[in-house]
Amino acid sequence: MAVTAVPRENNPFANDNPALARSTVLARYHQLREISKRHHHEALDLVAPDAMLQQARRLGLAQGKTLILHDMDEMYYVYDLVIHTAPPGRLRAIDRYASSARFPPRSDDVLVLEAMREARFAILAVERRHPAAGLIATDLIRRSDVWLVDLGLEASLAQGAVIATRLFAPDQFSMTAGVEVPFDIALIEDLYCELPRGLSKMKEVEDLIEDRRFAETLYRVALADGIMDRVRYCDPPEDAS
């Protein structure tokens, strides 16, 4: 498969700015994270219960009208998809929310919301710790560097670890949209077998990963493999220095 690199100067996720003090980065991170959580909550309120249940069924988390969860955190994968993706011809919840939201121009609320609307799915390999905070990772599909600030991942991921996640870049650094999947050989093999036929035949890897069905299939496979045995979602401390 051919992979076309995104020119670094046109890539908002390739954060090459000089390192700042850790306290400065973390203060900004916590501020932007609180705004993004509020946007997610408000966008989620626009999703009809039937749409939520339908997405849960597609991930193997519901039968009929009954949710079947081993862990309530499994719903985060449903939330990610109903907010950030939509079937062809339908508006995403994040876009519907943006069309009705009213914030002061050039405010952080607008900055974060627009970044969330531009969020993209990525497979990241951790290269090293960032000098100030977070991680430097390589986007394996787009062949670009990402400065990722996430205190939970900073504390738990070792060099060489690979994860799949949705990223948005509201500042010099990138942040996750809320969920991640540990990526390994066994998962890749299962994923390839489960991908819809049209996806598995795509020639461009970037087109493949940006298709809404890729994340959905990945989440379904990971949940069936017991992802919650390896992933826990919790609020990080104010500073993990």
C-alpha atoms as a PDB file:
ATOM      1  CA  MET A   1       0.000   0.000   0.000  1.00  0.00           C
ATOM      2  CA  ALA A   2       1.247   3.462  -0.857  1.00  0.00           C
ATOM      3  CA  VAL A   3       1.519   5.938   1.988  1.00  0.00           C
ATOM      4  CA  THR A   4       1.699   9.658   1.247  1.00  0.00           C
ATOM      5  CA  ALA A   5       3.360  11.733   3.964  1.00  0.00           C
ATOM      6  CA  VAL A   6       1.646  14.936   5.033  1.00  0.00           C
ATOM      7  CA  PRO A   7       3.981  17.947   4.644  1.00  0.00           C
ATOM      8  CA  ARG A   8       5.020  18.937   8.157  1.00  0.00           C
ATOM      9  CA  GLU A   9       4.411  22.639   7.614  1.00  0.00           C
ATOM     10  CA  ASN A  10       0.766  21.891   6.692  1.00  0.00           C
ATOM     11  CA  ASN A  11       0.195  19.362   9.449  1.00  0.00           C
ATOM     12  CA  PRO A  12      -1.226  20.808  12.721  1.00  0.00           C
ATOM     13  CA  PHE A  13      -0.510  17.530  14.509  1.00  0.00           C
ATOM     14  CA  ALA A  14       3.244  17.700  13.845  1.00  0.00           C
ATOM     15  CA  ASN A  15       4.029  19.827  16.888  1.00  0.00           C
ATOM     16  CA  ASP A  16       7.649  20.977  16.653  1.00  0.00           C
ATOM     17  CA  ASN A  17       7.504  24.077  18.839  1.00  0.00           C
ATOM     18  CA  PRO A  18      10.141  24.526  21.571  1.00  0.00           C
ATOM     19  CA  ALA A  19       9.378  22.877  24.897  1.00  0.00           C
ATOM     20  CA  LEU A  20       7.729  24.965  27.576  1.00  0.00           C
ATOM     21  CA  ALA A  21       7.864  24.610  31.358  1.00  0.00           C
ATOM     22  CA  ARG A  22       5.937  21.564  32.563  1.00  0.00           C
ATOM     23  CA  SER A  23       3.692  23.640  34.807  1.00  0.00           C
ATOM     24  CA  THR A  24       2.751  25.874  31.862  1.00  0.00           C
ATOM     25  CA  VAL A  25       1.945  22.940  29.592  1.00  0.00           C
ATOM     26  CA  LEU A  26      -0.093  21.120  32.232  1.00  0.00           C
ATOM     27  CA  ALA A  27      -2.055  24.211  33.181  1.00  0.00           C
ATOM     28  CA  ARG A  28      -3.021  24.695  29.550  1.00  0.00           C
ATOM     29  CA  TYR A  29      -3.751  20.981  29.113  1.00  0.00           C
ATOM     30  CA  HIS A  30      -6.123  20.870  32.098  1.00  0.00           C
ATOM     31  CA  GLN A  31      -7.881  24.006  30.877  1.00  0.00           C
ATOM     32  CA  LEU A  32      -8.415  22.628  27.377  1.00  0.00           C
ATOM     33  CA  ARG A  33      -9.357  19.166  28.655  1.00  0.00           C
ATOM     34  CA  GLU A  34     -12.160  20.610  30.797  1.00  0.00           C
ATOM     35  CA  ILE A  35     -13.510  22.501  27.787  1.00  0.00           C
ATOM     36  CA  SER A  36     -13.349  19.397  25.585  1.00  0.00           C
ATOM     37  CA  LYS A  37     -15.176  17.326  28.214  1.00  0.00           C
ATOM     38  CA  ARG A  38     -17.948  19.917  28.292  1.00  0.00           C
ATOM     39  CA  HIS A  39     -18.200  19.909  24.487  1.00  0.00           C
ATOM     40  CA  HIS A  40     -18.345  16.100  24.452  1.00  0.00           C
ATOM     41  CA  HIS A  41     -21.123  16.108  27.040  1.00  0.00           C
ATOM     42  CA  GLU A  42     -23.170  18.689  25.141  1.00  0.00           C
ATOM     43  CA  ALA A  43     -22.691  16.907  21.805  1.00  0.00           C
ATOM     44  CA  LEU A  44     -23.687  13.604  23.379  1.00  0.00           C
ATOM     45  CA  ASP A  45     -26.977  15.159  24.499  1.00  0.00           C
ATOM     46  CA  LEU A  46     -27.859  15.572  20.804  1.00  0.00           C
ATOM     47  CA  VAL A  47     -27.639  11.833  20.125  1.00  0.00           C
ATOM     48  CA  ALA A  48     -30.975  10.037  20.159  1.00  0.00           C
ATOM     49  CA  PRO A  49     -31.210   7.016  22.499  1.00  0.00           C
ATOM     50  CA  ASP A  50     -32.033   4.752  19.545  1.00  0.00           C
ATOM     51  CA  ALA A  51     -28.888   5.903  17.725  1.00  0.00           C
ATOM     52  CA  MET A  52     -26.818   5.244  20.831  1.00  0.00           C
ATOM     53  CA  LEU A  53     -28.311   1.767  21.198  1.00  0.00           C
ATOM     54  CA  GLN A  54     -27.783   0.982  17.517  1.00  0.00           C
ATOM     55  CA  GLN A  55     -24.103   1.893  17.805  1.00  0.00           C
ATOM     56  CA  ALA A  56     -23.778  -0.241  20.943  1.00  0.00           C
ATOM     57  CA  ARG A  57     -25.243  -3.197  19.040  1.00  0.00           C
ATOM     58  CA  ARG A  58     -22.724  -2.706  16.232  1.00  0.00           C
ATOM     59  CA  LEU A  59     -19.939  -2.967  18.810  1.00  0.00           C
ATOM     60  CA  GLY A  60     -21.420  -6.099  20.362  1.00  0.00           C
ATOM     61  CA  LEU A  61     -22.427  -4.233  23.520  1.00  0.00           C
ATOM     62  CA  ALA A  62     -26.189  -4.629  23.199  1.00  0.00           C
ATOM     63  CA  GLN A  63     -28.808  -7.155  22.188  1.00  0.00           C
ATOM     64  CA  GLY A  64     -32.145  -5.747  21.143  1.00  0.00           C
ATOM     65  CA  LYS A  65     -32.764  -2.852  23.513  1.00  0.00           C
ATOM     66  CA  THR A  66     -30.587  -4.204  26.323  1.00  0.00           C
ATOM     67  CA  LEU A  67     -27.014  -3.092  26.968  1.00  0.00           C
ATOM     68  CA  ILE A  68     -24.628  -5.938  27.787  1.00  0.00           C
ATOM     69  CA  LEU A  69     -21.554  -4.462  29.444  1.00  0.00           C
ATOM     70  CA  HIS A  70     -18.743  -6.099  31.374  1.00  0.00           C
ATOM     71  CA  ASP A  71     -17.535  -2.638  32.380  1.00  0.00           C
ATOM     72  CA  MET A  72     -19.338   0.706  32.148  1.00  0.00           C
ATOM     73  CA  ASP A  73     -16.192   2.210  30.605  1.00  0.00           C
ATOM     74  CA  GLU A  74     -16.945   0.194  27.469  1.00  0.00           C
ATOM     75  CA  MET A  75     -19.533   2.861  26.658  1.00  0.00           C
ATOM     76  CA  TYR A  76     -16.728   5.340  25.946  1.00  0.00           C
ATOM     77  CA  TYR A  77     -16.195   3.558  22.620  1.00  0.00           C
ATOM     78  CA  VAL A  78     -19.861   4.043  21.774  1.00  0.00           C
ATOM     79  CA  TYR A  79     -19.659   7.725  22.722  1.00  0.00           C
ATOM     80  CA  ASP A  80     -16.600   8.261  20.540  1.00  0.00           C
ATOM     81  CA  LEU A  81     -18.336   6.899  17.460  1.00  0.00           C
ATOM     82  CA  VAL A  82     -21.700   8.623  17.914  1.00  0.00           C
ATOM     83  CA  ILE A  83     -20.000  11.983  18.464  1.00  0.00           C
ATOM     84  CA  HIS A  84     -17.214  11.908  15.878  1.00  0.00           C
ATOM     85  CA  THR A  85     -18.608   9.746  13.064  1.00  0.00           C
ATOM     86  CA  ALA A  86     -21.836   9.421  11.107  1.00  0.00           C
ATOM     87  CA  PRO A  87     -23.171   7.366   8.200  1.00  0.00           C
ATOM     88  CA  PRO A  88     -22.788   8.892   4.723  1.00  0.00           C
ATOM     89  CA  GLY A  89     -25.161  11.796   4.187  1.00  0.00           C
ATOM     90  CA  ARG A  90     -25.657  12.389   7.918  1.00  0.00           C
ATOM     91  CA  LEU A  91     -24.158  15.144  10.049  1.00  0.00           C
ATOM     92  CA  ARG A  92     -21.970  14.105  12.962  1.00  0.00           C
ATOM     93  CA  ALA A  93     -23.147  15.033  16.454  1.00  0.00           C
ATOM     94  CA  ILE A  94     -20.074  17.249  16.930  1.00  0.00           C
ATOM     95  CA  ASP A  95     -21.021  19.215  13.793  1.00  0.00           C
ATOM     96  CA  ARG A  96     -24.664  19.551  14.845  1.00  0.00           C
ATOM     97  CA  TYR A  97     -23.505  20.801  18.209  1.00  0.00           C
ATOM     98  CA  ALA A  98     -21.133  23.303  16.593  1.00  0.00           C
ATOM     99  CA  SER A  99     -23.928  24.700  14.411  1.00  0.00           C
ATOM    100  CA  SER A 100     -26.040  25.542  17.458  1.00  0.00           C
ATOM    101  CA  ALA A 101     -23.352  26.494  19.994  1.00  0.00           C
ATOM    102  CA  ARG A 102     -22.681  30.176  20.628  1.00  0.00           C
ATOM    103  CA  PHE A 103     -19.285  31.211  21.997  1.00  0.00           C
ATOM    104  CA  PRO A 104     -17.284  34.444  21.848  1.00  0.00           C
ATOM    105  CA  PRO A 105     -15.122  34.638  18.701  1.00  0.00           C
ATOM    106  CA  ARG A 106     -11.521  33.458  19.172  1.00  0.00           C
ATOM    107  CA  SER A 107     -12.345  32.069  22.623  1.00  0.00           C
ATOM    108  CA  ASP A 108     -10.873  28.808  23.905  1.00  0.00           C
ATOM    109  CA  ASP A 109     -14.339  27.266  23.558  1.00  0.00           C
ATOM    110  CA  VAL A 110     -14.256  27.947  19.828  1.00  0.00           C
ATOM    111  CA  LEU A 111     -10.619  26.876  19.546  1.00  0.00           C
ATOM    112  CA  VAL A 112     -11.283  23.504  21.177  1.00  0.00           C
ATOM    113  CA  LEU A 113     -14.544  22.884  19.347  1.00  0.00           C
ATOM    114  CA  GLU A 114     -13.005  23.526  15.938  1.00  0.00           C
ATOM    115  CA  ALA A 115     -10.058  21.288  16.806  1.00  0.00           C
ATOM    116  CA  MET A 116     -12.472  18.536  17.860  1.00  0.00           C
ATOM    117  CA  ARG A 117     -14.303  18.817  14.557  1.00  0.00           C
ATOM    118  CA  GLU A 118     -10.966  18.248  12.813  1.00  0.00           C
ATOM    119  CA  ALA A 119     -10.072  15.252  14.997  1.00  0.00           C
ATOM    120  CA  ARG A 120      -8.609  12.284  13.145  1.00  0.00           C
ATOM    121  CA  PHE A 121      -8.008   8.661  13.927  1.00  0.00           C
ATOM    122  CA  ALA A 122      -4.357   7.624  14.234  1.00  0.00           C
ATOM    123  CA  ILE A 123      -2.071   4.745  15.109  1.00  0.00           C
ATOM    124  CA  LEU A 124       0.765   6.067  17.257  1.00  0.00           C
ATOM    125  CA  ALA A 125       4.102   4.556  18.269  1.00  0.00           C
ATOM    126  CA  VAL A 126       5.660   6.111  21.370  1.00  0.00           C
ATOM    127  CA  GLU A 127       9.188   7.353  20.660  1.00  0.00           C
ATOM    128  CA  ARG A 128      10.159   9.159  23.882  1.00  0.00           C
ATOM    129  CA  ARG A 129       9.029  11.470  26.638  1.00  0.00           C
ATOM    130  CA  HIS A 130       8.591  15.119  25.728  1.00  0.00           C
ATOM    131  CA  PRO A 131      11.023  17.391  27.667  1.00  0.00           C
ATOM    132  CA  ALA A 132       8.142  19.291  29.269  1.00  0.00           C
ATOM    133  CA  ALA A 133       5.123  16.999  29.464  1.00  0.00           C
ATOM    134  CA  GLY A 134       3.521  14.187  27.530  1.00  0.00           C
ATOM    135  CA  LEU A 135       4.982  12.044  24.780  1.00  0.00           C
ATOM    136  CA  ILE A 136       6.535  12.321  21.350  1.00  0.00           C
ATOM    137  CA  ALA A 137       4.951   9.698  19.130  1.00  0.00           C
ATOM    138  CA  THR A 138       5.036   8.801  15.457  1.00  0.00           C
ATOM    139  CA  ASP A 139       1.816   8.676  13.486  1.00  0.00           C
ATOM    140  CA  LEU A 140       2.560   5.429  11.654  1.00  0.00           C
ATOM    141  CA  ILE A 141       0.116   6.063   8.829  1.00  0.00           C
ATOM    142  CA  ARG A 142       0.919   9.690   8.056  1.00  0.00           C
ATOM    143  CA  ARG A 143       4.634   9.451   8.921  1.00  0.00           C
ATOM    144  CA  SER A 144       4.603  12.550  11.118  1.00  0.00           C
ATOM    145  CA  ASP A 145       5.596  13.330  14.706  1.00  0.00           C
ATOM    146  CA  VAL A 146       2.958  14.123  17.309  1.00  0.00           C
ATOM    147  CA  TRP A 147       3.431  15.869  20.639  1.00  0.00           C
ATOM    148  CA  LEU A 148       0.740  14.145  22.680  1.00  0.00           C
ATOM    149  CA  VAL A 149      -0.175  15.508  26.107  1.00  0.00           C
ATOM    150  CA  ASP A 150      -2.156  12.988  28.164  1.00  0.00           C
ATOM    151  CA  LEU A 151      -1.116  12.372  31.751  1.00  0.00           C
ATOM    152  CA  GLY A 152      -2.575   8.882  31.888  1.00  0.00           C
ATOM    153  CA  LEU A 153      -0.738   7.767  28.756  1.00  0.00           C
ATOM    154  CA  GLU A 154       2.442   9.552  29.819  1.00  0.00           C
ATOM    155  CA  ALA A 155       2.462   7.500  33.026  1.00  0.00           C
ATOM    156  CA  SER A 156       1.481   4.159  31.486  1.00  0.00           C
ATOM    157  CA  LEU A 157       3.035   3.879  28.018  1.00  0.00           C
ATOM    158  CA  ALA A 158       6.602   2.722  27.546  1.00  0.00           C
ATOM    159  CA  GLN A 159       8.833   3.576  24.619  1.00  0.00           C
ATOM    160  CA  GLY A 160       7.796   1.476  21.629  1.00  0.00           C
ATOM    161  CA  ALA A 161       4.185   1.055  22.745  1.00  0.00           C
ATOM    162  CA  VAL A 162       1.617   1.385  19.954  1.00  0.00           C
ATOM    163  CA  ILE A 163      -1.943   2.623  20.394  1.00  0.00           C
ATOM    164  CA  ALA A 164      -4.845   3.608  18.193  1.00  0.00           C
ATOM    165  CA  THR A 165      -6.707   6.744  19.239  1.00  0.00           C
ATOM    166  CA  ARG A 166      -8.553   9.795  17.965  1.00  0.00           C
ATOM    167  CA  LEU A 167      -6.493  13.011  18.127  1.00  0.00           C
ATOM    168  CA  PHE A 168      -7.254  16.688  18.051  1.00  0.00           C
ATOM    169  CA  ALA A 169      -4.825  19.608  18.290  1.00  0.00           C
ATOM    170  CA  PRO A 170      -6.210  22.676  20.097  1.00  0.00           C
ATOM    171  CA  ASP A 171      -2.768  24.107  20.899  1.00  0.00           C
ATOM    172  CA  GLN A 172       0.910  23.358  20.255  1.00  0.00           C
ATOM    173  CA  PHE A 173       0.225  19.836  21.450  1.00  0.00           C
ATOM    174  CA  SER A 174      -2.324  17.180  20.560  1.00  0.00           C
ATOM    175  CA  MET A 175      -4.807  15.488  22.894  1.00  0.00           C
ATOM    176  CA  THR A 176      -6.862  12.317  22.666  1.00  0.00           C
ATOM    177  CA  ALA A 177     -10.592  12.551  22.134  1.00  0.00           C
ATOM    178  CA  GLY A 178     -11.058  10.172  25.041  1.00  0.00           C
ATOM    179  CA  VAL A 179     -10.432   6.545  24.068  1.00  0.00           C
ATOM    180  CA  GLU A 180      -7.463   4.445  23.020  1.00  0.00           C
ATOM    181  CA  VAL A 181      -6.777   0.857  22.001  1.00  0.00           C
ATOM    182  CA  PRO A 182      -3.475  -0.973  22.639  1.00  0.00           C
ATOM    183  CA  PHE A 183      -2.271  -2.099  19.209  1.00  0.00           C
ATOM    184  CA  ASP A 184      -0.442  -5.409  18.794  1.00  0.00           C
ATOM    185  CA  ILE A 185       0.062  -8.168  16.214  1.00  0.00           C
ATOM    186  CA  ALA A 186      -2.825 -10.296  17.461  1.00  0.00           C
ATOM    187  CA  LEU A 187      -5.200  -7.333  17.213  1.00  0.00           C
ATOM    188  CA  ILE A 188      -3.973  -6.488  13.704  1.00  0.00           C
ATOM    189  CA  GLU A 189      -4.677 -10.040  12.524  1.00  0.00           C
ATOM    190  CA  ASP A 190      -8.179 -10.046  14.014  1.00  0.00           C
ATOM    191  CA  LEU A 191      -8.859  -6.560  12.660  1.00  0.00           C
ATOM    192  CA  TYR A 192      -7.889  -7.508   9.116  1.00  0.00           C
ATOM    193  CA  CYS A 193     -10.246 -10.487   9.214  1.00  0.00           C
ATOM    194  CA  GLU A 194     -13.147  -8.329  10.442  1.00  0.00           C
ATOM    195  CA  LEU A 195     -12.753  -5.275   8.191  1.00  0.00           C
ATOM    196  CA  PRO A 196     -15.592  -4.776   5.697  1.00  0.00           C
ATOM    197  CA  ARG A 197     -14.568  -6.014   2.272  1.00  0.00           C
ATOM    198  CA  GLY A 198     -14.467  -2.547   0.720  1.00  0.00           C
ATOM    199  CA  LEU A 199     -12.114  -1.286   3.424  1.00  0.00           C
ATOM    200  CA  SER A 200      -9.632  -4.151   3.234  1.00  0.00           C
ATOM    201  CA  LYS A 201      -9.191  -3.490  -0.500  1.00  0.00           C
ATOM    202  CA  MET A 202      -8.391   0.220  -0.178  1.00  0.00           C
ATOM    203  CA  LYS A 203      -5.059   1.117  -1.744  1.00  0.00           C
ATOM    204  CA  GLU A 204      -4.357   4.184   0.400  1.00  0.00           C
ATOM    205  CA  VAL A 205      -3.819   3.445   4.083  1.00  0.00           C
ATOM    206  CA  GLU A 206      -4.787   6.999   5.046  1.00  0.00           C
ATOM    207  CA  ASP A 207      -8.165   6.585   3.311  1.00  0.00           C
ATOM    208  CA  LEU A 208      -8.643   3.336   5.217  1.00  0.00           C
ATOM    209  CA  ILE A 209      -7.999   4.765   8.680  1.00  0.00           C
ATOM    210  CA  GLU A 210     -10.141   7.844   8.050  1.00  0.00           C
ATOM    211  CA  ASP A 211     -13.168   5.746   7.093  1.00  0.00           C
ATOM    212  CA  ARG A 212     -15.624   5.655  10.015  1.00  0.00           C
ATOM    213  CA  ARG A 213     -15.889   1.858   9.720  1.00  0.00           C
ATOM    214  CA  PHE A 214     -12.200   1.387  10.567  1.00  0.00           C
ATOM    215  CA  ALA A 215     -12.525   2.728  14.114  1.00  0.00           C
ATOM    216  CA  GLU A 216     -15.822   0.905  14.567  1.00  0.00           C
ATOM    217  CA  THR A 217     -14.315  -2.418  13.506  1.00  0.00           C
ATOM    218  CA  LEU A 218     -11.224  -1.852  15.645  1.00  0.00           C
ATOM    219  CA  TYR A 219     -13.332  -1.079  18.721  1.00  0.00           C
ATOM    220  CA  ARG A 220     -15.554  -4.123  18.136  1.00  0.00           C
ATOM    221  CA  VAL A 221     -12.555  -6.457  17.828  1.00  0.00           C
ATOM    222  CA  ALA A 222     -10.807  -4.925  20.849  1.00  0.00           C
ATOM    223  CA  LEU A 223     -13.933  -5.172  23.004  1.00  0.00           C
ATOM    224  CA  ALA A 224     -14.445  -8.806  21.995  1.00  0.00           C
ATOM    225  CA  ASP A 225     -10.808  -9.472  22.943  1.00  0.00           C
ATOM    226  CA  GLY A 226     -11.359  -8.002  26.430  1.00  0.00           C
ATOM    227  CA  ILE A 227      -9.753  -4.580  26.038  1.00  0.00           C
ATOM    228  CA  MET A 228     -11.024  -3.445  29.445  1.00  0.00           C
ATOM    229  CA  ASP A 229      -8.682  -5.961  31.053  1.00  0.00           C
ATOM    230  CA  ARG A 230      -5.814  -3.771  29.804  1.00  0.00           C
ATOM    231  CA  VAL A 231      -7.293  -0.261  29.715  1.00  0.00           C
ATOM    232  CA  ARG A 232      -8.762   1.797  32.537  1.00  0.00           C
ATOM    233  CA  TYR A 233     -10.164   5.305  32.188  1.00  0.00           C
ATOM    234  CA  CYS A 234      -9.756   7.646  35.132  1.00  0.00           C
ATOM    235  CA  ASP A 235      -9.148  11.325  35.770  1.00  0.00           C
ATOM    236  CA  PRO A 236      -5.392  11.979  36.131  1.00  0.00           C
ATOM    237  CA  PRO A 237      -3.967  14.035  38.994  1.00  0.00           C
ATOM    238  CA  GLU A 238      -3.545  17.748  38.466  1.00  0.00           C
ATOM    239  CA  ASP A 239       0.186  17.248  38.008  1.00  0.00           C
ATOM    240  CA  ALA A 240       2.025  13.998  37.400  1.00  0.00           C
ATOM    241  CA  SER A 241       5.512  15.487  37.464  1.00  0.00           C
END
